[in-house]
Each structure stands twice: as C-alpha cells, then as structure tokens.
C-alpha cells in the first residue's frame, strides 16, 4: 500500500541519494507499479537513459497532443530505436477535442486562461490519467530551477491529486548538470534545444527564448509566470 506514510519512509531511506540511485530503487522494488511519463525534454531524456539502459521493459509513456513539433515526433522514433524500447504514445479523446475546437476555435488557448487550461486538460491531463491508472509510482523530470511553481519540489512526494507516489529524481539538478549528463552519455535530445528552446511543449504554445530569459519563458509566454502549468503537476502535493 502506498500513502503519505510510505512516502516519508522512502524519503528517509533515500535521503542524500543520487538521481540514478533513486531510479534504481523504484526499478528494483516498484518496477511493475511504476510509470515514467516523458515529455521528451532534456531532463526526461536523461531519465530515459537512467531507466531504459538497464530496464528495456519499463513502462514509459508520452503524450501526443496532436500539436507537437515535427522535431518531437522525430525524437520519439529516435529514442525508441536508440534504447531498443517501445514507449506507449497516448492520444486525447478525439470526440472531446473536436467538440472543444467547434465551440472555441482551433487556437482557443490564446483567448483566455480558461480556454488554455481546457485544452491542456483534454490533450494532456486526461491521457496521462489513463496512462497512470493502476500504477503506484509516477516518475517525472521536474526540477526546482525550472520555474517559480516548482521551487518547493521534493525528490519523493505524495501526489494527492492522483493518489500515488511522485518521484522527481533530478529535482535539484541545474540545467548545466542535465547537459553535462547528455553530452557525457551521448543521450539523444530534441534538435530544438539547439535553436533556443530550453522547454518544449505544443508548437503553438512554445517559442524560443531570448538570452537571459527564464528557461520557461517560452511556454505560454502570454501568461503570468505563476500560472504556467498545464495541470499535469498540481500544487496540492503535500510536503513530506
């Protein structure tokens, strides 16, 4: 059984552990109950390397929202071939997306925060909920340095929204740490990172950032920084 008490127990056990040690623990003791949801960003490619190098049958999912960059689709194929894995690509409910577009328009997310959150919910949150259903552990590539909404991130958390253990192995890594790992281990990554895109999501909601800008400045750039989450990672997680 997993609950907040279990989170405290594991957190104490893994206190001071490296990202790889955290990954290894869950692959050893919770492998069949663990899902790694990758956005195919640089952080998640690092975690794919940590997981898939030794665990070809690990459950890895990614979300195809229908609005991704061509480079992202290329990376899905490249990653599968490089690690000899088959990640599950999850899609939104097409009927719900069709109804949303009919009501609000194809680019509704520019019109209001409410519209943008609705689009993210249908294209991301619902498919993720399907992908994590029945699992006890969810591994993510979240880092504290990424945005103001993630400053209190912990390596092991209780996700109250999904009632599962949420694991953030690279929570305290700097961006330079991520790229050092990628270069050292020759990890495949999205070509857009070399074109000024530190954070990559859907094509219409992502732009390149200017020198000196925050790494998340290119995501939903028309919104306030404290609102820049798609709903996959709620802020109701309770601290350990």
Protein backbone atom coordinates (compact mmCIF):
# COMPACT_ATOMS: atom_id res chain seq x y z
CA UNK A 1 0.00 0.00 0.00
CA UNK A 2 1.28 3.46 -0.87
CA UNK A 3 0.33 6.55 1.11
CA UNK A 4 1.90 9.58 2.73
CA UNK A 5 3.47 7.47 5.45
CA UNK A 6 5.12 5.30 2.82
CA UNK A 7 6.45 8.44 1.14
CA UNK A 8 8.03 9.53 4.42
CA UNK A 9 9.58 6.10 4.88
CA UNK A 10 11.08 6.02 1.37
CA UNK A 11 12.21 9.65 1.60
CA UNK A 12 14.16 8.88 4.76
CA UNK A 13 15.66 5.76 3.20
CA UNK A 14 16.77 7.65 0.07
CA UNK A 15 17.90 10.82 1.82
CA UNK A 16 21.00 12.08 0.01
CA UNK A 17 20.67 9.51 -2.79
CA UNK A 18 21.69 10.40 -6.33
CA UNK A 19 19.19 10.56 -9.18
CA UNK A 20 20.40 7.22 -10.52
CA UNK A 21 20.11 5.63 -7.07
CA UNK A 22 16.55 6.91 -6.75
CA UNK A 23 15.67 5.50 -10.17
CA UNK A 24 17.32 2.17 -9.34
CA UNK A 25 15.36 1.86 -6.10
CA UNK A 26 11.99 2.20 -7.80
CA UNK A 27 13.02 -0.02 -10.70
CA UNK A 28 14.00 -2.71 -8.19
CA UNK A 29 11.10 -2.55 -5.74
CA UNK A 30 8.24 -0.96 -7.69
CA UNK A 31 9.01 -1.65 -11.34
CA UNK A 32 5.64 -3.20 -12.23
CA UNK A 33 3.81 -0.42 -10.40
CA UNK A 34 5.84 2.45 -11.85
CA UNK A 35 5.15 4.69 -14.84
CA UNK A 36 7.62 7.15 -16.29
CA UNK A 37 5.79 9.87 -18.20
CA UNK A 38 8.24 11.59 -20.51
CA UNK A 39 7.73 14.91 -22.25
CA UNK A 40 10.89 14.16 -24.24
CA UNK A 41 12.53 17.28 -22.84
CA UNK A 42 16.22 17.25 -21.90
CA UNK A 43 15.50 16.23 -18.29
CA UNK A 44 13.24 13.40 -19.36
CA UNK A 45 15.78 12.15 -21.89
CA UNK A 46 18.28 11.91 -19.03
CA UNK A 47 15.78 9.85 -17.04
CA UNK A 48 15.01 7.68 -20.07
CA UNK A 49 18.72 6.89 -20.22
CA UNK A 50 18.84 6.09 -16.49
CA UNK A 51 15.80 3.83 -16.75
CA UNK A 52 15.92 2.20 -20.19
CA UNK A 53 19.63 1.39 -20.31
CA UNK A 54 19.04 -1.42 -17.82
CA UNK A 55 15.23 -1.81 -17.93
CA UNK A 56 14.05 -2.30 -21.51
CA UNK A 57 10.62 -3.36 -20.33
CA UNK A 58 9.98 -0.39 -18.05
CA UNK A 59 6.59 1.27 -18.58
CA UNK A 60 7.36 4.56 -20.34
CA UNK A 61 4.61 6.77 -21.78
CA UNK A 62 4.50 10.03 -23.68
CA UNK A 63 1.59 12.22 -24.75
CA UNK A 64 0.82 13.11 -28.36
CA UNK A 65 -1.41 16.15 -28.05
CA UNK A 66 -1.80 16.48 -31.80
CA UNK A 67 0.02 19.83 -31.75
CA UNK A 68 3.64 18.78 -31.25
CA UNK A 69 6.69 19.96 -33.20
CA UNK A 70 7.93 17.71 -36.03
CA UNK A 71 11.25 17.50 -34.17
CA UNK A 72 9.47 15.97 -31.18
CA UNK A 73 7.96 13.18 -33.27
CA UNK A 74 11.39 12.52 -34.74
CA UNK A 75 12.81 12.22 -31.23
CA UNK A 76 10.16 9.67 -30.19
CA UNK A 77 11.25 7.40 -33.02
CA UNK A 78 14.95 8.04 -32.44
CA UNK A 79 14.68 7.34 -28.69
CA UNK A 80 12.81 4.07 -29.22
CA UNK A 81 15.44 2.84 -31.65
CA UNK A 82 18.41 4.08 -29.61
CA UNK A 83 17.35 2.25 -26.43
CA UNK A 84 15.52 -0.61 -28.17
CA UNK A 85 12.30 0.21 -26.34
CA UNK A 86 8.69 0.89 -27.27
CA UNK A 87 7.25 3.74 -25.26
CA UNK A 88 3.47 3.98 -25.24
CA UNK A 89 2.20 7.06 -27.10
CA UNK A 90 -1.11 8.22 -25.64
CA UNK A 91 -3.65 10.34 -27.51
CA UNK A 92 -6.55 12.57 -26.39
CA UNK A 93 -10.19 11.65 -26.90
CA UNK A 94 -10.78 12.90 -30.45
CA UNK A 95 -14.51 13.49 -29.91
CA UNK A 96 -13.86 15.80 -26.95
CA UNK A 97 -11.15 17.66 -28.87
CA UNK A 98 -13.46 18.05 -31.89
CA UNK A 99 -16.23 19.46 -29.69
CA UNK A 100 -13.82 21.87 -27.97
CA UNK A 101 -12.49 23.16 -31.30
CA UNK A 102 -16.01 23.50 -32.68
CA UNK A 103 -17.05 25.59 -29.66
CA UNK A 104 -13.92 27.66 -29.08
CA UNK A 105 -11.81 27.55 -32.24
CA UNK A 106 -8.60 25.78 -33.23
CA UNK A 107 -6.33 28.18 -31.31
CA UNK A 108 -8.63 28.82 -28.36
CA UNK A 109 -5.74 28.85 -25.86
CA UNK A 110 -4.71 32.37 -26.88
CA UNK A 111 -8.11 33.81 -25.94
CA UNK A 112 -8.23 33.08 -22.22
CA UNK A 113 -6.57 31.18 -19.38
CA UNK A 114 -9.76 29.15 -19.02
CA UNK A 115 -9.59 28.07 -22.66
CA UNK A 116 -5.90 27.21 -22.41
CA UNK A 117 -6.44 25.07 -19.33
CA UNK A 118 -9.34 23.29 -21.00
CA UNK A 119 -7.15 22.48 -23.99
CA UNK A 120 -4.32 21.23 -21.76
CA UNK A 121 -6.77 19.14 -19.75
CA UNK A 122 -8.18 17.34 -22.79
CA UNK A 123 -4.90 16.93 -24.63
CA UNK A 124 -2.62 16.17 -21.67
CA UNK A 125 -4.25 15.58 -18.29
CA UNK A 126 -6.90 13.08 -19.37
CA UNK A 127 -4.48 10.92 -21.41
CA UNK A 128 -1.98 10.99 -18.54
CA UNK A 129 -4.66 9.85 -16.10
CA UNK A 130 -5.35 6.90 -18.38
CA UNK A 131 -1.66 6.12 -18.61
CA UNK A 132 -1.07 6.22 -14.86
CA UNK A 133 -4.24 4.38 -13.86
CA UNK A 134 -3.50 1.40 -11.66
CA UNK A 135 0.10 2.47 -11.02
CA UNK A 136 1.52 3.42 -7.63
CA UNK A 137 4.58 5.41 -8.67
CA UNK A 138 4.98 8.23 -11.19
CA UNK A 139 8.49 9.32 -12.22
CA UNK A 140 8.90 12.85 -13.61
CA UNK A 141 11.70 15.08 -14.86
CA UNK A 142 10.65 18.12 -12.82
CA UNK A 143 13.37 20.42 -11.45
CA UNK A 144 13.21 23.21 -8.89
CA UNK A 145 15.17 25.53 -11.17
CA UNK A 146 12.57 25.35 -13.94
CA UNK A 147 10.01 27.82 -12.59
CA UNK A 148 8.55 29.61 -9.58
CA UNK A 149 5.81 26.97 -9.40
CA UNK A 150 8.40 24.25 -8.72
CA UNK A 151 10.67 25.85 -6.13
CA UNK A 152 9.44 23.61 -3.29
CA UNK A 153 9.80 20.38 -5.22
CA UNK A 154 10.95 17.32 -3.24
CA UNK A 155 12.62 14.15 -4.57
CA UNK A 156 9.81 11.94 -3.25
CA UNK A 157 6.31 13.38 -2.83
CA UNK A 158 2.76 12.24 -2.26
CA UNK A 159 0.59 13.24 -5.22
CA UNK A 160 -2.80 13.85 -3.62
CA UNK A 161 -4.47 14.53 -6.96
CA UNK A 162 -3.60 11.10 -8.37
CA UNK A 163 -3.09 9.27 -5.06
CA UNK A 164 0.33 7.92 -5.94
CA UNK A 165 3.99 8.43 -5.13
CA UNK A 166 5.55 11.10 -7.31
CA UNK A 167 9.28 10.75 -7.86
CA UNK A 168 11.43 13.65 -9.08
CA UNK A 169 14.99 12.23 -9.31
CA UNK A 170 16.58 15.34 -10.87
CA UNK A 171 14.67 17.81 -8.67
CA UNK A 172 17.84 19.65 -7.58
CA UNK A 173 19.82 19.41 -10.83
CA UNK A 174 20.87 22.58 -12.60
CA UNK A 175 20.39 22.95 -16.34
CA UNK A 176 24.16 22.59 -16.76
CA UNK A 177 24.00 19.24 -14.91
CA UNK A 178 21.41 17.99 -17.38
CA UNK A 179 23.51 18.92 -20.41
CA UNK A 180 26.70 17.57 -18.89
CA UNK A 181 24.96 14.19 -18.49
CA UNK A 182 23.56 14.28 -22.03
CA UNK A 183 26.95 15.02 -23.56
CA UNK A 184 28.83 12.53 -21.39
CA UNK A 185 26.39 9.70 -22.11
CA UNK A 186 25.55 10.66 -25.71
CA UNK A 187 21.84 10.84 -24.95
CA UNK A 188 19.58 11.73 -27.92
CA UNK A 189 17.74 15.04 -27.49
CA UNK A 190 15.36 17.36 -29.30
CA UNK A 191 17.07 19.41 -32.02
CA UNK A 192 15.02 22.45 -30.94
CA UNK A 193 17.17 22.73 -27.82
CA UNK A 194 19.98 23.91 -30.09
CA UNK A 195 17.70 26.59 -31.54
CA UNK A 196 16.82 28.44 -28.34
CA UNK A 197 14.04 26.21 -26.99
CA UNK A 198 15.02 25.12 -23.45
CA UNK A 199 11.46 23.94 -22.68
CA UNK A 200 9.37 22.33 -25.41
CA UNK A 201 5.65 21.64 -25.41
CA UNK A 202 2.98 22.06 -28.07
CA UNK A 203 4.10 24.05 -31.14
CA UNK A 204 1.57 26.92 -30.87
CA UNK A 205 2.27 27.36 -27.15
CA UNK A 206 6.07 27.28 -27.30
CA UNK A 207 8.57 29.82 -28.63
CA UNK A 208 12.33 30.24 -28.45
CA UNK A 209 13.61 32.31 -25.52
CA UNK A 210 15.86 35.33 -25.66
CA UNK A 211 19.30 35.42 -23.99
CA UNK A 212 18.89 35.89 -20.25
CA UNK A 213 15.23 34.87 -20.18
CA UNK A 214 13.92 32.21 -17.81
CA UNK A 215 14.00 28.66 -19.21
CA UNK A 216 10.20 28.52 -19.08
CA UNK A 217 9.69 31.95 -20.65
CA UNK A 218 8.88 30.36 -23.98
CA UNK A 219 5.99 28.30 -22.62
CA UNK A 220 2.58 30.07 -22.72
CA UNK A 221 4.55 33.32 -22.96
CA UNK A 222 1.38 35.45 -22.92
CA UNK A 223 0.53 34.34 -19.36
CA UNK A 224 1.83 35.31 -15.92
CA UNK A 225 4.72 33.09 -14.65
CA UNK A 226 2.79 31.76 -11.65
CA UNK A 227 0.07 30.40 -13.97
CA UNK A 228 2.38 28.48 -16.29
CA UNK A 229 1.39 24.89 -15.54
CA UNK A 230 -0.73 22.69 -17.77
CA UNK A 231 -2.44 20.78 -14.96
CA UNK A 232 -0.29 17.64 -15.07
CA UNK A 233 1.56 18.81 -11.98
CA UNK A 234 -0.82 20.28 -9.45
CA UNK A 235 0.36 22.36 -6.50
CA UNK A 236 -1.63 20.40 -3.94
CA UNK A 237 1.15 17.93 -3.22
CA UNK A 238 1.79 17.75 0.47
CA UNK A 239 5.30 18.18 1.75
CA UNK A 240 6.96 15.27 3.46
